[in-house]
Amino acid sequence: MNSVHTQGSKAMTTTHAPDDLVIHPRNLRFEADEAHQRWWLNGDAVATAWHNALSITFPAGETFFIESVRRFQRDVPDELAKQIKDFAKQEAFHTREHNEFNARVEADGYEIASEVSRVEERLAEARKQHPVAQLAMTVALEHFTAIFAHSALKNPDLMEKTEAESQRMWAWHAIEEIEHKSVAFDTYAHVMRDAPARKRWSIRCLVFLNVSRNFITSRWIETRRLLAQDGITGWSARWKLLGYLLGKPGIVRRIILPWLAFLRPGFHPWDVDDRELIGEAQARYGFQDEAVAAE
């Protein structure tokens, strides 16, 4: 683990990131499978709607993440600045591929323009906040993406009946979310290094709780709107979605403990070194571990 780094006025607070951590921006492109189905995830309407709702948020959301972290790139130590650069490349590639994926969702007959507009409106409001508040929001959302990514790679059976190219795209995204899971967190810690530890902790936890409520509520609403386009409405939609999230397979239930871990004083994303999952996924899907320049 890295210890305290000293670099003049850019002395960096302690990070628990592995010493040999490398963030690999993988410039991969994914096409629709030849036998593409409207319910592409295991032939399940609910699972498909939930992941479509997630994908709808990614292009605008990850652009926001890039902005909020890169704003501080010149103020952090060189090591972290390099991580921010690679983080931005990864998120830019994710944005491009999810724009392509969302176009396929539209081609499947779903109306998503209104959902995209709602996401952009919420982010426009977020951009009115103080830059450090925007960074804290990114820290919170990056924890969500990291723990969902961990669960997805740990349980590849959740997508075992999914179209091959869609499996590869979501696995690629999950790999890179794990690799860069501490970049926003360490940037926040550095920016707030002169504040009392209790203040740093309380701010990130309060923001995290607010973001968590908004994240789950928004995805619930968006998923139900997508299900309605498949004729699944009312209590039937509610119970099916609740079952998917908390019952079987329990997509949200599986992340409750790592979600709670964020609230612990002294928490760091790399308290759990899950790079073994990355290696297994790369072998499973044939990804190359080569850093590439952003286009």
Protein backbone atom coordinates (compact mmCIF):
# COMPACT_ATOMS: atom_id res chain seq x y z
CA MET A 1 0.00 0.00 0.00
CA ASN A 2 1.15 3.55 -0.66
CA SER A 3 2.20 5.70 2.25
CA VAL A 4 2.11 9.50 2.54
CA HIS A 5 3.61 11.13 -0.56
CA THR A 6 5.47 14.40 -0.21
CA GLN A 7 5.74 16.78 -3.11
CA GLY A 8 6.19 20.30 -1.85
CA SER A 9 2.85 22.11 -1.60
CA LYS A 10 1.25 19.04 -3.16
CA ALA A 11 1.83 16.68 -0.22
CA MET A 12 -0.65 13.87 -0.67
CA THR A 13 -2.65 12.27 2.08
CA THR A 14 -2.32 8.55 2.71
CA THR A 15 -3.84 6.29 0.08
CA HIS A 16 -4.49 2.58 0.42
CA ALA A 17 -4.24 1.99 -3.31
CA PRO A 18 -1.87 -0.87 -4.19
CA ASP A 19 1.69 0.22 -5.01
CA ASP A 20 1.56 -1.64 -8.31
CA LEU A 21 -1.89 -0.42 -9.36
CA VAL A 22 -2.10 0.40 -13.07
CA ILE A 23 -5.19 1.89 -14.68
CA HIS A 24 -5.53 0.56 -18.24
CA PRO A 25 -7.76 2.53 -20.63
CA ARG A 26 -8.90 -0.19 -23.06
CA ASN A 27 -10.12 1.33 -26.30
CA LEU A 28 -12.57 -1.45 -27.17
CA ARG A 29 -15.65 -1.30 -29.35
CA PHE A 30 -18.70 -3.52 -29.08
CA GLU A 31 -21.29 -4.32 -31.70
CA ALA A 32 -24.80 -5.70 -31.37
CA ASP A 33 -25.02 -9.49 -31.58
CA GLU A 34 -26.45 -10.86 -34.83
CA ALA A 35 -29.30 -12.50 -32.91
CA HIS A 36 -29.95 -9.37 -30.85
CA GLN A 37 -33.09 -9.53 -28.71
CA ARG A 38 -35.17 -6.74 -27.19
CA TRP A 39 -34.77 -8.43 -23.79
CA TRP A 40 -31.05 -8.92 -24.27
CA LEU A 41 -30.18 -9.84 -20.64
CA ASN A 42 -31.08 -13.51 -20.10
CA GLY A 43 -34.34 -12.90 -21.99
CA ASP A 44 -35.58 -11.20 -18.80
CA ALA A 45 -37.65 -8.01 -19.18
CA VAL A 46 -36.88 -6.76 -15.65
CA ALA A 47 -33.12 -7.42 -15.77
CA THR A 48 -32.98 -5.80 -19.20
CA ALA A 49 -34.94 -2.73 -18.06
CA TRP A 50 -32.73 -2.24 -14.97
CA HIS A 51 -29.51 -2.38 -16.98
CA ASN A 52 -30.96 -0.24 -19.76
CA ALA A 53 -31.83 2.34 -17.10
CA LEU A 54 -28.24 2.23 -15.83
CA SER A 55 -26.84 2.59 -19.34
CA ILE A 56 -29.06 5.59 -20.04
CA THR A 57 -27.35 7.46 -17.18
CA PHE A 58 -23.77 6.64 -18.11
CA PRO A 59 -22.91 8.99 -21.00
CA ALA A 60 -23.98 12.18 -19.22
CA GLY A 61 -23.02 10.86 -15.79
CA GLU A 62 -19.51 9.84 -16.72
CA THR A 63 -18.94 13.15 -18.48
CA PHE A 64 -19.83 14.77 -15.16
CA PHE A 65 -17.37 12.50 -13.34
CA ILE A 66 -14.57 13.47 -15.72
CA GLU A 67 -15.28 17.18 -15.27
CA SER A 68 -15.48 17.01 -11.48
CA VAL A 69 -12.18 15.14 -11.08
CA ARG A 70 -10.12 16.79 -13.84
CA ARG A 71 -10.92 20.18 -12.33
CA PHE A 72 -8.34 19.37 -9.62
CA GLN A 73 -5.77 17.60 -11.81
CA ARG A 74 -3.21 20.42 -11.64
CA ASP A 75 -3.43 20.63 -7.86
CA VAL A 76 -2.62 17.02 -6.99
CA PRO A 77 0.68 15.09 -6.88
CA ASP A 78 1.99 13.72 -10.17
CA GLU A 79 1.09 10.12 -9.33
CA LEU A 80 -2.56 10.99 -8.73
CA ALA A 81 -2.61 13.37 -11.73
CA LYS A 82 -1.56 10.43 -13.94
CA GLN A 83 -4.36 8.32 -12.46
CA ILE A 84 -6.85 11.12 -13.17
CA LYS A 85 -5.68 11.23 -16.79
CA ASP A 86 -6.21 7.48 -17.21
CA PHE A 87 -9.51 7.64 -15.32
CA ALA A 88 -10.73 10.28 -17.78
CA LYS A 89 -9.71 8.11 -20.75
CA GLN A 90 -11.56 5.11 -19.37
CA GLU A 91 -14.69 7.13 -18.68
CA ALA A 92 -14.55 8.70 -22.14
CA PHE A 93 -14.46 5.24 -23.75
CA HIS A 94 -17.36 4.15 -21.51
CA THR A 95 -19.34 7.19 -22.60
CA ARG A 96 -18.80 6.35 -26.28
CA GLU A 97 -19.75 2.69 -25.91
CA HIS A 98 -22.84 3.38 -23.82
CA ASN A 99 -23.99 5.94 -26.36
CA GLU A 100 -23.76 3.11 -28.91
CA PHE A 101 -25.51 0.71 -26.55
CA ASN A 102 -28.29 3.23 -25.89
CA ALA A 103 -28.79 3.63 -29.63
CA ARG A 104 -29.44 -0.12 -29.76
CA VAL A 105 -31.94 0.24 -26.91
CA GLU A 106 -33.77 2.82 -29.02
CA ALA A 107 -33.57 0.54 -32.05
CA ASP A 108 -35.25 -2.13 -29.92
CA GLY A 109 -38.25 0.17 -29.79
CA TYR A 110 -37.78 1.90 -26.44
CA GLU A 111 -38.38 5.63 -26.10
CA ILE A 112 -35.48 6.85 -23.94
CA ALA A 113 -35.06 10.49 -25.00
CA SER A 114 -37.19 11.70 -22.09
CA GLU A 115 -35.11 9.67 -19.61
CA VAL A 116 -31.87 11.03 -21.05
CA SER A 117 -33.26 14.56 -20.71
CA ARG A 118 -34.15 13.97 -17.05
CA VAL A 119 -30.63 12.74 -16.31
CA GLU A 120 -29.13 15.79 -18.01
CA GLU A 121 -31.45 18.11 -16.07
CA ARG A 122 -30.39 16.58 -12.75
CA LEU A 123 -26.73 16.94 -13.69
CA ALA A 124 -27.29 20.56 -14.73
CA GLU A 125 -28.54 21.19 -11.18
CA ALA A 126 -25.53 19.33 -9.75
CA ARG A 127 -23.18 21.57 -11.74
CA LYS A 128 -24.53 24.57 -9.82
CA GLN A 129 -22.98 23.17 -6.64
CA HIS A 130 -19.52 24.01 -5.30
CA PRO A 131 -16.74 22.13 -7.17
CA VAL A 132 -15.85 20.17 -4.04
CA ALA A 133 -19.50 19.19 -3.61
CA GLN A 134 -19.52 17.95 -7.22
CA LEU A 135 -16.37 15.96 -6.47
CA ALA A 136 -18.02 14.45 -3.38
CA MET A 137 -21.00 13.40 -5.53
CA THR A 138 -18.61 11.71 -7.93
CA VAL A 139 -16.91 9.91 -5.02
CA ALA A 140 -20.31 8.58 -3.93
CA LEU A 141 -21.38 7.45 -7.40
CA GLU A 142 -17.99 5.91 -8.14
CA HIS A 143 -18.46 3.75 -5.02
CA PHE A 144 -21.79 2.57 -6.42
CA THR A 145 -20.24 1.68 -9.78
CA ALA A 146 -17.31 -0.08 -8.10
CA ILE A 147 -19.41 -2.29 -5.84
CA PHE A 148 -21.86 -3.14 -8.62
CA ALA A 149 -18.82 -3.95 -10.80
CA HIS A 150 -17.34 -6.20 -8.09
CA SER A 151 -20.63 -8.08 -7.77
CA ALA A 152 -20.96 -8.47 -11.54
CA LEU A 153 -17.45 -9.92 -11.97
CA LYS A 154 -17.76 -12.12 -8.89
CA ASN A 155 -21.05 -13.55 -10.17
CA PRO A 156 -20.68 -13.94 -13.95
CA ASP A 157 -23.59 -16.41 -13.87
CA LEU A 158 -25.91 -13.39 -13.53
CA MET A 159 -25.41 -12.85 -17.27
CA GLU A 160 -24.73 -16.41 -18.38
CA LYS A 161 -27.68 -16.48 -20.81
CA THR A 162 -26.96 -12.99 -22.13
CA GLU A 163 -25.82 -12.17 -25.65
CA ALA A 164 -22.04 -12.58 -25.89
CA GLU A 165 -21.19 -9.05 -27.02
CA SER A 166 -23.36 -7.47 -24.32
CA GLN A 167 -21.67 -9.67 -21.71
CA ARG A 168 -18.27 -8.49 -22.91
CA MET A 169 -19.23 -4.82 -22.89
CA TRP A 170 -20.59 -4.88 -19.33
CA ALA A 171 -17.63 -6.93 -18.09
CA TRP A 172 -15.17 -4.48 -19.72
CA HIS A 173 -16.93 -1.60 -18.02
CA ALA A 174 -16.87 -3.41 -14.67
CA ILE A 175 -13.13 -4.15 -14.95
CA GLU A 176 -12.28 -0.51 -15.48
CA GLU A 177 -14.61 0.73 -12.74
CA ILE A 178 -12.70 -1.45 -10.28
CA GLU A 179 -9.32 -0.28 -11.56
CA HIS A 180 -10.10 3.41 -11.05
CA LYS A 181 -12.31 3.07 -7.98
CA SER A 182 -10.10 5.19 -5.72
CA VAL A 183 -9.23 8.05 -8.10
CA ALA A 184 -12.12 10.36 -7.15
CA PHE A 185 -11.85 9.30 -3.50
CA ASP A 186 -8.12 10.11 -3.31
CA THR A 187 -8.68 13.39 -5.14
CA TYR A 188 -11.33 14.36 -2.58
CA ALA A 189 -9.02 13.34 0.28
CA HIS A 190 -6.22 15.48 -1.15
CA VAL A 191 -8.43 18.51 -1.80
CA MET A 192 -9.84 18.29 1.74
CA ARG A 193 -6.55 17.36 3.42
CA ASP A 194 -6.46 20.50 5.58
CA ALA A 195 -9.98 19.98 6.93
CA PRO A 196 -10.45 18.08 10.21
CA ALA A 197 -10.84 14.35 9.64
CA ARG A 198 -14.30 14.37 11.21
CA LYS A 199 -15.44 17.08 8.78
CA ARG A 200 -14.08 15.18 5.75
CA TRP A 201 -15.85 12.04 6.93
CA SER A 202 -19.17 13.72 7.73
CA ILE A 203 -19.34 15.57 4.41
CA ARG A 204 -18.61 12.51 2.28
CA CYS A 205 -21.09 10.40 4.27
CA LEU A 206 -23.89 12.96 4.12
CA VAL A 207 -23.37 13.41 0.38
CA PHE A 208 -23.22 9.63 -0.03
CA LEU A 209 -26.53 9.07 1.78
CA ASN A 210 -28.23 11.76 -0.31
CA VAL A 211 -26.75 10.42 -3.55
CA SER A 212 -27.73 6.87 -2.58
CA ARG A 213 -31.35 7.85 -2.07
CA ASN A 214 -31.46 9.72 -5.36
CA PHE A 215 -29.66 6.95 -7.25
CA ILE A 216 -31.96 4.14 -6.16
CA THR A 217 -35.11 6.25 -6.48
CA SER A 218 -34.22 7.46 -9.97
CA ARG A 219 -33.23 4.02 -11.26
CA TRP A 220 -36.44 2.56 -9.80
CA ILE A 221 -38.56 5.15 -11.62
CA GLU A 222 -36.64 4.83 -14.90
CA THR A 223 -36.81 1.03 -14.83
CA ARG A 224 -40.56 1.08 -14.27
CA ARG A 225 -41.02 3.51 -17.16
CA LEU A 226 -39.09 1.15 -19.42
CA LEU A 227 -41.09 -1.84 -18.18
CA ALA A 228 -44.29 0.06 -18.95
CA GLN A 229 -43.18 0.17 -22.58
CA ASP A 230 -43.26 -3.65 -22.46
CA GLY A 231 -46.75 -3.59 -20.98
CA ILE A 232 -45.52 -4.47 -17.48
CA THR A 233 -47.15 -1.96 -15.13
CA GLY A 234 -48.73 -1.46 -11.73
CA TRP A 235 -48.10 -3.84 -8.84
CA SER A 236 -46.87 -6.52 -11.20
CA ALA A 237 -43.99 -4.27 -12.24
CA ARG A 238 -43.29 -3.23 -8.65
CA TRP A 239 -43.13 -6.78 -7.30
CA LYS A 240 -41.06 -8.10 -10.19
CA LEU A 241 -38.55 -5.27 -9.87
CA LEU A 242 -38.40 -5.57 -6.08
CA GLY A 243 -37.77 -9.28 -6.44
CA TYR A 244 -34.95 -8.70 -8.93
CA LEU A 245 -33.29 -6.11 -6.69
CA LEU A 246 -33.76 -7.66 -3.24
CA GLY A 247 -34.88 -11.25 -3.81
CA LYS A 248 -33.44 -13.45 -6.54
CA PRO A 249 -30.89 -12.70 -7.89
CA GLY A 250 -30.86 -9.68 -5.54
CA ILE A 251 -28.78 -7.19 -7.53
CA VAL A 252 -29.03 -4.54 -4.78
CA ARG A 253 -29.14 -7.01 -1.88
CA ARG A 254 -25.70 -8.27 -2.88
CA ILE A 255 -24.11 -4.84 -2.47
CA ILE A 256 -25.62 -3.83 0.90
CA LEU A 257 -22.55 -4.70 3.00
CA PRO A 258 -20.01 -2.96 0.72
CA TRP A 259 -22.44 -0.03 0.53
CA LEU A 260 -22.40 0.23 4.34
CA ALA A 261 -18.59 0.00 4.38
CA PHE A 262 -18.39 3.47 2.81
CA LEU A 263 -19.81 4.97 6.02
CA ARG A 264 -16.97 3.64 8.18
CA PRO A 265 -14.41 6.25 9.34
CA GLY A 266 -11.12 5.42 7.70
CA PHE A 267 -12.77 3.67 4.75
CA HIS A 268 -10.83 3.46 1.50
CA PRO A 269 -12.01 1.81 -1.76
CA TRP A 270 -8.91 -0.42 -1.83
CA ASP A 271 -9.60 -1.89 1.61
CA VAL A 272 -10.76 -4.72 -0.65
CA ASP A 273 -8.22 -5.58 -3.32
CA ASP A 274 -10.37 -7.26 -5.95
CA ARG A 275 -7.94 -7.19 -8.86
CA GLU A 276 -8.09 -10.98 -8.95
CA LEU A 277 -11.60 -10.56 -10.37
CA ILE A 278 -10.14 -8.40 -13.13
CA GLY A 279 -7.66 -11.11 -14.09
CA GLU A 280 -10.36 -13.76 -14.18
CA ALA A 281 -12.65 -11.58 -16.30
CA GLN A 282 -9.87 -10.72 -18.75
CA ALA A 283 -9.12 -14.40 -19.22
CA ARG A 284 -12.83 -15.21 -19.58
CA TYR A 285 -13.53 -12.54 -22.22
CA GLY A 286 -10.14 -12.30 -23.91
CA PHE A 287 -9.37 -8.66 -23.10
CA GLN A 288 -5.87 -7.31 -23.57
CA ASP A 289 -4.18 -5.35 -20.79
CA GLU A 290 -2.75 -2.59 -22.94
CA ALA A 291 -2.94 1.09 -22.12
CA VAL A 292 -4.02 3.11 -25.14
CA ALA A 293 -4.30 6.77 -25.99
CA ALA A 294 -7.71 8.39 -26.09
CA GLU A 295 -9.01 9.13 -29.55
